[in-house]
Amino acid sequence: MKRVSSVDVAKLAGVSQSSVSRVFSPNAKVSAEKRERILEAARQLGYKPNVLARSLITQSTNLIGIVIADVASLFYANFLSALSSQLRDLGKQVILFNVGLDQTADDVLPTLLEYRVDALIIAATTLSADMAAECAQQGTPVILFNREVELDQVSAICIDNEDGGRQIANLFLENQHRRYAYIAGIESTQTNQLREKGFMDRLLESGIDANMILREQGDYSYDSGFAAATRLLQADNRPDAIFCASDPMAFGVVDAARALGFSIPNDLSVAGFDNVPQAEWHTYQLTTIAQPLDSLLDATINVLTERLKGNESSKSKIDLFVGELRIRNSVRLK
C-alpha cells in the first residue's frame, strides 16, 4: 500500500502542505480550527509524520544516544530507567547501545553517530580522546556519567568514589575492626580503582599494616562476591570487615558468610557501594555509600540542556558529588 504523506493530509483538510508540517512540529503556531481539521484528516488517513525527513529540515533528531557497559547492573538499570523517563519528558527519545565489559564506547560510537543523535551520554565505560574530538567535530555534545575523566569538549558528572572508599575505611576504624579486606570490581574500571584507593589510603594512613588488608578480585556481581567471601572466610587470617566495590557483591558476601556459619555483623562487618533498593531489604540491611542518583540525574539533564542550547561553559568540566554513608545492620558498631 502507498504510504500516506503530508500532501494527502493537506488535500483532505483543504490546507497547504506547510500547514500540516507545522502542526506536527514542536512549538509551531497554527490556529485551533486549522489544527483540528488537520489532525482529523490525519486520523482518517492513518498518517504518521516522517521523523527522519523532519530532522533533515530542523537539523535535530531529538534522539539522545546512551552508551552503557553494564546494563544488567542494579544501579545502572535504575539510572537508565530514570534518565529515559526524564528525557521523554523533554520530548527526547533514547537510542541505547550496550557494550561488553571488555569494550569501550569507541567500539560503537561510529555506528551510533550515523543516527545523527543530538547528544551522547556515556555510562560505565570509557571514551578515548580521539573519539571525543570526532564527536566535537560533528557538533555532538558528550556527557560522561560516573566517570571522572577530563577530556576536551566533554562534560562529566560523577560521584566522588575515592571519598566513598575513605568513608567506609573510617567507619571500620572507628568501630575497632582489626582485619580488613577489599573485594574489587572489574580491575580496569575507574570506579573500582578510586573506591579501592580511598579505602586503602585511609587504612594505611591510620597505621594499619598492609599485611592486615586482604584483597580478592570480583566483577561487581553477586556470584563473584559470594566466591570471594568464601575464599576469604576460609583463610587462617580471615577478615572481620569486608568492603565491596558494589552492593551486589556485598549481598553475595553476606550470604556466603551465613552459609559458613558466621554471624553478620557480630563475626563479620560488610559494606557495599551504590545503595541499590535491595540494600534496605530486611535480609541484608546493608551499610553502603549512597549514590545521590536524583542529584546526578538533575546535573546530567541540566548539562545536556545547556549543551544542546550551545552553551559551552560546561565543556571539559567535572561535577563531583559526595556520596552519603548509610549505616545499617551489616556493620558492627562499638
Protein backbone atom coordinates (compact mmCIF):
# COMPACT_ATOMS: atom_id res chain seq x y z
CA MET A 1 0.00 0.00 0.00
CA LYS A 2 1.09 3.55 -0.75
CA ARG A 3 2.41 5.35 2.34
CA VAL A 4 0.21 8.27 3.37
CA SER A 5 2.06 11.58 3.03
CA SER A 6 1.59 15.08 4.40
CA VAL A 7 0.40 16.08 0.92
CA ASP A 8 -2.50 13.61 1.22
CA VAL A 9 -3.44 15.06 4.60
CA ALA A 10 -3.27 18.60 3.21
CA LYS A 11 -5.63 17.74 0.33
CA LEU A 12 -8.21 16.15 2.63
CA ALA A 13 -8.04 19.00 5.16
CA GLY A 14 -8.07 21.69 2.47
CA VAL A 15 -4.85 23.33 3.67
CA SER A 16 -1.29 23.74 2.45
CA GLN A 17 1.34 21.04 2.99
CA SER A 18 3.37 23.51 5.09
CA SER A 19 0.42 23.85 7.49
CA VAL A 20 0.46 20.09 8.03
CA SER A 21 4.19 20.21 8.74
CA ARG A 22 3.70 22.99 11.29
CA VAL A 23 1.01 21.04 13.17
CA PHE A 24 3.43 18.15 13.67
CA SER A 25 6.38 20.39 14.59
CA PRO A 26 7.07 21.40 18.21
CA ASN A 27 6.10 24.96 19.19
CA ALA A 28 4.80 25.84 15.69
CA LYS A 29 1.80 28.21 15.69
CA VAL A 30 -1.35 27.07 13.89
CA SER A 31 -4.93 28.25 14.51
CA ALA A 32 -7.05 25.91 16.64
CA GLU A 33 -9.61 25.43 13.87
CA LYS A 34 -7.00 24.56 11.26
CA ARG A 35 -5.13 22.30 13.67
CA GLU A 36 -8.28 20.28 14.38
CA ARG A 37 -9.04 19.87 10.64
CA ILE A 38 -5.51 18.64 10.00
CA LEU A 39 -5.50 16.23 12.96
CA GLU A 40 -8.88 14.82 11.92
CA ALA A 41 -7.62 14.28 8.37
CA ALA A 42 -4.51 12.61 9.72
CA ARG A 43 -6.63 10.28 11.88
CA GLN A 44 -8.84 9.34 8.92
CA LEU A 45 -5.85 8.56 6.69
CA GLY A 46 -3.72 6.94 9.40
CA TYR A 47 -0.94 9.45 8.78
CA LYS A 48 2.24 9.35 10.85
CA PRO A 49 4.85 12.11 10.39
CA ASN A 50 8.22 11.10 8.98
CA VAL A 51 10.62 11.88 11.83
CA LEU A 52 13.73 11.31 9.73
CA ALA A 53 12.54 13.64 6.97
CA ARG A 54 11.66 16.32 9.53
CA SER A 55 15.10 16.02 11.12
CA LEU A 56 16.73 16.97 7.82
CA ILE A 57 14.82 20.25 7.93
CA THR A 58 15.20 21.02 11.64
CA GLN A 59 18.77 19.64 11.92
CA SER A 60 17.62 17.82 15.06
CA THR A 61 16.52 14.21 15.50
CA ASN A 62 15.52 14.58 19.18
CA LEU A 63 17.48 11.36 19.69
CA ILE A 64 19.84 11.05 22.65
CA GLY A 65 22.37 8.24 22.36
CA ILE A 66 23.17 6.34 25.55
CA VAL A 67 26.17 4.00 25.68
CA ILE A 68 26.36 1.76 28.72
CA ALA A 69 28.58 -1.22 29.52
CA ASP A 70 26.74 -2.78 32.42
CA VAL A 71 23.03 -2.53 31.71
CA ALA A 72 22.38 -5.55 33.99
CA SER A 73 23.83 -3.68 36.99
CA LEU A 74 21.17 -2.84 39.57
CA PHE A 75 22.47 0.71 39.89
CA TYR A 76 22.75 1.38 36.16
CA ALA A 77 19.37 -0.22 35.48
CA ASN A 78 17.79 2.29 37.89
CA PHE A 79 19.82 5.09 36.32
CA LEU A 80 18.76 4.14 32.80
CA SER A 81 15.07 3.91 33.72
CA ALA A 82 15.05 7.30 35.47
CA LEU A 83 17.13 9.01 32.77
CA SER A 84 14.95 7.70 29.94
CA SER A 85 11.83 8.96 31.72
CA GLN A 86 13.28 12.45 32.17
CA LEU A 87 14.42 12.59 28.56
CA ARG A 88 10.94 11.62 27.35
CA ASP A 89 9.52 14.47 29.43
CA LEU A 90 11.83 16.77 27.44
CA GLY A 91 10.49 15.41 24.17
CA LYS A 92 13.61 13.33 23.53
CA GLN A 93 13.84 9.69 22.54
CA VAL A 94 16.59 7.31 23.61
CA ILE A 95 18.69 5.08 21.40
CA LEU A 96 20.60 2.62 23.58
CA PHE A 97 23.85 0.85 22.75
CA ASN A 98 25.00 -1.78 25.25
CA VAL A 99 28.71 -2.58 25.00
CA GLY A 100 30.54 -5.53 26.51
CA LEU A 101 32.53 -5.14 29.70
CA ASP A 102 35.69 -5.70 27.64
CA GLN A 103 34.75 -2.93 25.19
CA THR A 104 34.82 0.88 25.22
CA ALA A 105 32.47 3.48 23.81
CA ASP A 106 34.83 3.81 20.84
CA ASP A 107 33.67 0.39 19.63
CA VAL A 108 30.09 1.54 18.99
CA LEU A 109 30.20 5.31 18.55
CA PRO A 110 30.97 5.30 14.80
CA THR A 111 27.71 3.39 14.26
CA LEU A 112 25.76 5.42 16.79
CA LEU A 113 26.84 8.73 15.26
CA GLU A 114 25.33 7.61 11.95
CA TYR A 115 21.92 8.05 13.60
CA ARG A 116 22.70 11.79 13.91
CA VAL A 117 21.91 11.83 17.63
CA ASP A 118 21.61 15.27 19.21
CA ALA A 119 23.88 14.28 22.13
CA LEU A 120 25.62 11.33 23.76
CA ILE A 121 25.53 10.15 27.37
CA ILE A 122 28.18 7.54 28.15
CA ALA A 123 27.99 5.48 31.36
CA ALA A 124 30.09 2.69 32.86
CA THR A 125 32.60 2.68 30.03
CA THR A 126 35.45 4.80 28.70
CA LEU A 127 35.95 7.16 25.77
CA SER A 128 39.23 7.95 24.02
CA ALA A 129 40.45 11.50 23.39
CA ASP A 130 40.39 10.81 19.63
CA MET A 131 36.75 9.79 19.67
CA ALA A 132 35.86 12.76 21.89
CA ALA A 133 37.47 15.02 19.30
CA GLU A 134 35.50 13.35 16.49
CA CYS A 135 32.23 13.90 18.37
CA ALA A 136 33.16 17.56 18.87
CA GLN A 137 33.98 17.90 15.18
CA GLN A 138 30.50 16.62 14.32
CA GLY A 139 28.94 19.01 16.84
CA THR A 140 27.66 16.20 19.10
CA PRO A 141 27.81 17.06 22.83
CA VAL A 142 29.18 14.27 25.04
CA ILE A 143 28.44 13.75 28.73
CA LEU A 144 30.26 11.11 30.76
CA PHE A 145 28.17 9.72 33.63
CA ASN A 146 30.02 8.40 36.69
CA ARG A 147 33.41 8.72 35.05
CA GLU A 148 35.91 11.19 36.50
CA VAL A 149 37.77 11.78 33.23
CA GLU A 150 38.95 15.13 31.94
CA LEU A 151 38.71 15.33 28.14
CA ASP A 152 38.46 18.32 25.84
CA GLN A 153 34.88 19.05 24.72
CA VAL A 154 33.42 16.50 27.18
CA SER A 155 31.30 17.14 30.30
CA ALA A 156 31.48 14.73 33.25
CA ILE A 157 29.05 14.04 36.11
CA CYS A 158 30.42 11.77 38.82
CA ILE A 159 30.26 10.72 42.44
CA ASP A 160 33.46 11.09 44.47
CA ASN A 161 34.33 7.38 44.53
CA GLU A 162 37.61 7.89 46.39
CA ASP A 163 35.87 9.77 49.18
CA GLY A 164 33.33 6.93 49.44
CA GLY A 165 36.12 4.42 50.00
CA ARG A 166 37.59 6.65 52.70
CA GLN A 167 34.21 6.90 54.45
CA ILE A 168 33.95 3.11 54.69
CA ALA A 169 37.52 2.84 56.00
CA ASN A 170 36.77 5.46 58.66
CA LEU A 171 33.65 3.55 59.72
CA PHE A 172 35.61 0.31 60.15
CA LEU A 173 38.42 2.09 62.03
CA GLU A 174 36.08 3.98 64.36
CA ASN A 175 34.39 0.72 65.32
CA GLN A 176 37.67 -1.05 66.13
CA HIS A 177 37.82 -3.68 63.44
CA ARG A 178 41.22 -5.32 63.11
CA ARG A 179 41.47 -7.32 59.89
CA TYR A 180 40.26 -5.82 56.66
CA ALA A 181 39.53 -6.96 53.13
CA TYR A 182 38.54 -5.34 49.86
CA ILE A 183 36.64 -7.20 47.13
CA ALA A 184 37.34 -5.42 43.87
CA GLY A 185 35.09 -4.87 40.91
CA ILE A 186 36.38 -5.19 37.37
CA GLU A 187 40.06 -4.29 37.58
CA SER A 188 40.14 -1.82 34.70
CA THR A 189 37.17 0.31 35.74
CA GLN A 190 37.85 3.73 37.17
CA THR A 191 35.09 3.40 39.78
CA ASN A 192 36.77 0.30 41.21
CA GLN A 193 40.23 1.88 41.20
CA LEU A 194 39.11 5.03 43.02
CA ARG A 195 36.99 3.19 45.60
CA GLU A 196 39.91 0.91 46.40
CA LYS A 197 42.36 3.82 46.54
CA GLY A 198 40.26 5.76 49.03
CA PHE A 199 39.76 2.68 51.23
CA MET A 200 43.39 1.55 51.17
CA ASP A 201 44.92 5.00 51.56
CA ARG A 202 42.85 5.76 54.64
CA LEU A 203 43.69 2.44 56.32
CA LEU A 204 47.41 2.88 55.64
CA GLU A 205 47.33 6.48 56.86
CA SER A 206 45.88 5.26 60.16
CA GLY A 207 48.83 2.93 60.67
CA ILE A 208 47.22 -0.35 59.63
CA ASP A 209 49.83 -2.85 58.45
CA ALA A 210 49.37 -3.55 54.74
CA ASN A 211 49.64 -7.27 55.55
CA MET A 212 46.42 -6.96 57.54
CA ILE A 213 44.48 -5.87 54.45
CA LEU A 214 43.41 -8.73 52.20
CA ARG A 215 42.16 -8.39 48.64
CA GLU A 216 40.04 -10.55 46.37
CA GLN A 217 39.01 -9.97 42.78
CA GLY A 218 35.36 -9.80 41.78
CA ASP A 219 33.39 -8.41 38.85
CA TYR A 220 30.63 -6.43 40.62
CA SER A 221 28.26 -9.44 40.53
CA TYR A 222 26.58 -11.33 43.37
CA ASP A 223 28.28 -14.62 42.38
CA SER A 224 31.75 -13.08 42.39
CA GLY A 225 31.14 -11.63 45.86
CA PHE A 226 29.94 -14.99 47.17
CA ALA A 227 33.00 -16.79 45.76
CA ALA A 228 35.46 -14.16 47.02
CA ALA A 229 33.96 -14.19 50.52
CA THR A 230 34.15 -17.98 50.65
CA ARG A 231 37.88 -17.80 49.95
CA LEU A 232 38.48 -15.01 52.46
CA LEU A 233 36.49 -16.56 55.29
CA GLN A 234 38.20 -19.94 54.97
CA ALA A 235 41.66 -18.36 55.32
CA ASP A 236 43.58 -18.56 58.61
CA ASN A 237 43.71 -14.77 58.88
CA ARG A 238 40.09 -14.22 57.88
CA PRO A 239 38.91 -10.60 57.96
CA ASP A 240 36.38 -9.17 60.37
CA ALA A 241 35.41 -6.32 57.99
CA ILE A 242 34.93 -6.50 54.21
CA PHE A 243 34.34 -3.59 51.85
CA CYS A 244 32.91 -4.46 48.42
CA ALA A 245 33.09 -2.27 45.32
CA SER A 246 29.36 -2.80 44.71
CA ASP A 247 26.23 -3.72 46.62
CA PRO A 248 25.51 -6.97 44.70
CA MET A 249 28.96 -8.30 45.67
CA ALA A 250 28.23 -7.34 49.27
CA PHE A 251 24.95 -9.31 49.12
CA GLY A 252 26.99 -12.31 48.00
CA VAL A 253 29.40 -11.80 50.91
CA VAL A 254 26.56 -11.71 53.45
CA ASP A 255 25.04 -14.93 52.10
CA ALA A 256 28.40 -16.71 51.89
CA ALA A 257 29.24 -15.76 55.48
CA ARG A 258 25.92 -17.05 56.76
CA ALA A 259 26.31 -20.26 54.76
CA LEU A 260 29.67 -20.79 56.53
CA GLY A 261 28.07 -20.22 59.95
CA PHE A 262 29.24 -16.65 60.60
CA SER A 263 27.01 -14.02 62.13
CA ILE A 264 26.51 -10.62 60.45
CA PRO A 265 27.63 -8.28 61.96
CA ASN A 266 28.92 -9.99 65.15
CA ASP A 267 31.57 -12.05 63.36
CA LEU A 268 31.86 -10.03 60.17
CA SER A 269 31.02 -6.50 59.09
CA VAL A 270 30.13 -5.94 55.44
CA ALA A 271 29.80 -2.70 53.45
CA GLY A 272 28.97 -2.04 49.82
CA PHE A 273 28.67 0.85 47.41
CA ASP A 274 25.73 2.38 45.45
CA ASN A 275 22.73 1.90 47.80
CA VAL A 276 20.58 -0.02 45.34
CA PRO A 277 16.98 -0.58 46.59
CA GLN A 278 17.73 -4.15 47.73
CA ALA A 279 20.25 -2.79 50.26
CA GLU A 280 17.30 -1.89 52.50
CA TRP A 281 15.78 -5.37 52.38
CA HIS A 282 15.44 -6.99 55.79
CA THR A 283 17.60 -9.89 54.56
CA TYR A 284 20.62 -7.63 54.09
CA GLN A 285 20.19 -4.23 55.82
CA LEU A 286 23.43 -3.33 54.07
CA THR A 287 25.69 -0.49 55.12
CA THR A 288 26.73 1.28 51.93
CA ILE A 289 27.64 4.54 50.21
CA ALA A 290 24.50 6.00 48.67
CA GLN A 291 24.98 7.50 45.24
CA PRO A 292 22.83 10.67 45.06
CA LEU A 293 21.02 9.44 41.95
CA ASP A 294 18.50 12.29 41.84
CA SER A 295 21.25 14.91 42.04
CA LEU A 296 23.38 13.09 39.47
CA LEU A 297 20.42 12.86 37.09
CA ASP A 298 19.45 16.50 37.58
CA ALA A 299 23.03 17.56 36.85
CA THR A 300 23.14 15.36 33.76
CA ILE A 301 19.88 16.80 32.41
CA ASN A 302 20.97 20.37 33.19
CA VAL A 303 24.30 19.96 31.42
CA LEU A 304 22.61 18.23 28.48
CA THR A 305 20.08 21.05 28.14
CA GLU A 306 22.80 23.71 28.24
CA ARG A 307 24.97 21.87 25.72
CA LEU A 308 22.01 21.47 23.34
CA LYS A 309 21.44 25.23 23.59
CA GLY A 310 25.05 25.75 22.53
CA ASN A 311 26.27 26.83 25.97
CA GLU A 312 29.90 25.68 26.04
CA SER A 313 30.68 26.62 29.66
CA SER A 314 30.30 23.02 30.90
CA LYS A 315 32.83 21.54 28.47
CA SER A 316 35.88 19.85 29.99
CA LYS A 317 34.30 20.22 33.44
CA ILE A 318 33.86 17.53 36.09
CA ASP A 319 30.98 17.89 38.55
CA LEU A 320 31.75 15.76 41.63
CA PHE A 321 29.08 14.75 44.14
CA VAL A 322 29.79 13.32 47.59
CA GLY A 323 28.11 10.03 48.48
CA GLU A 324 26.23 9.60 51.75
CA LEU A 325 27.21 6.85 54.19
CA ARG A 326 24.10 4.83 55.07
CA ILE A 327 24.78 2.80 58.22
CA ARG A 328 22.58 -0.26 58.62
CA ASN A 329 22.81 -3.55 60.47
CA SER A 330 25.58 -5.18 58.40
CA VAL A 331 28.38 -3.35 60.30
CA ARG A 332 29.21 -3.95 63.97
CA LEU A 333 29.25 -0.72 65.95
CA LYS A 334 31.27 -0.50 69.14
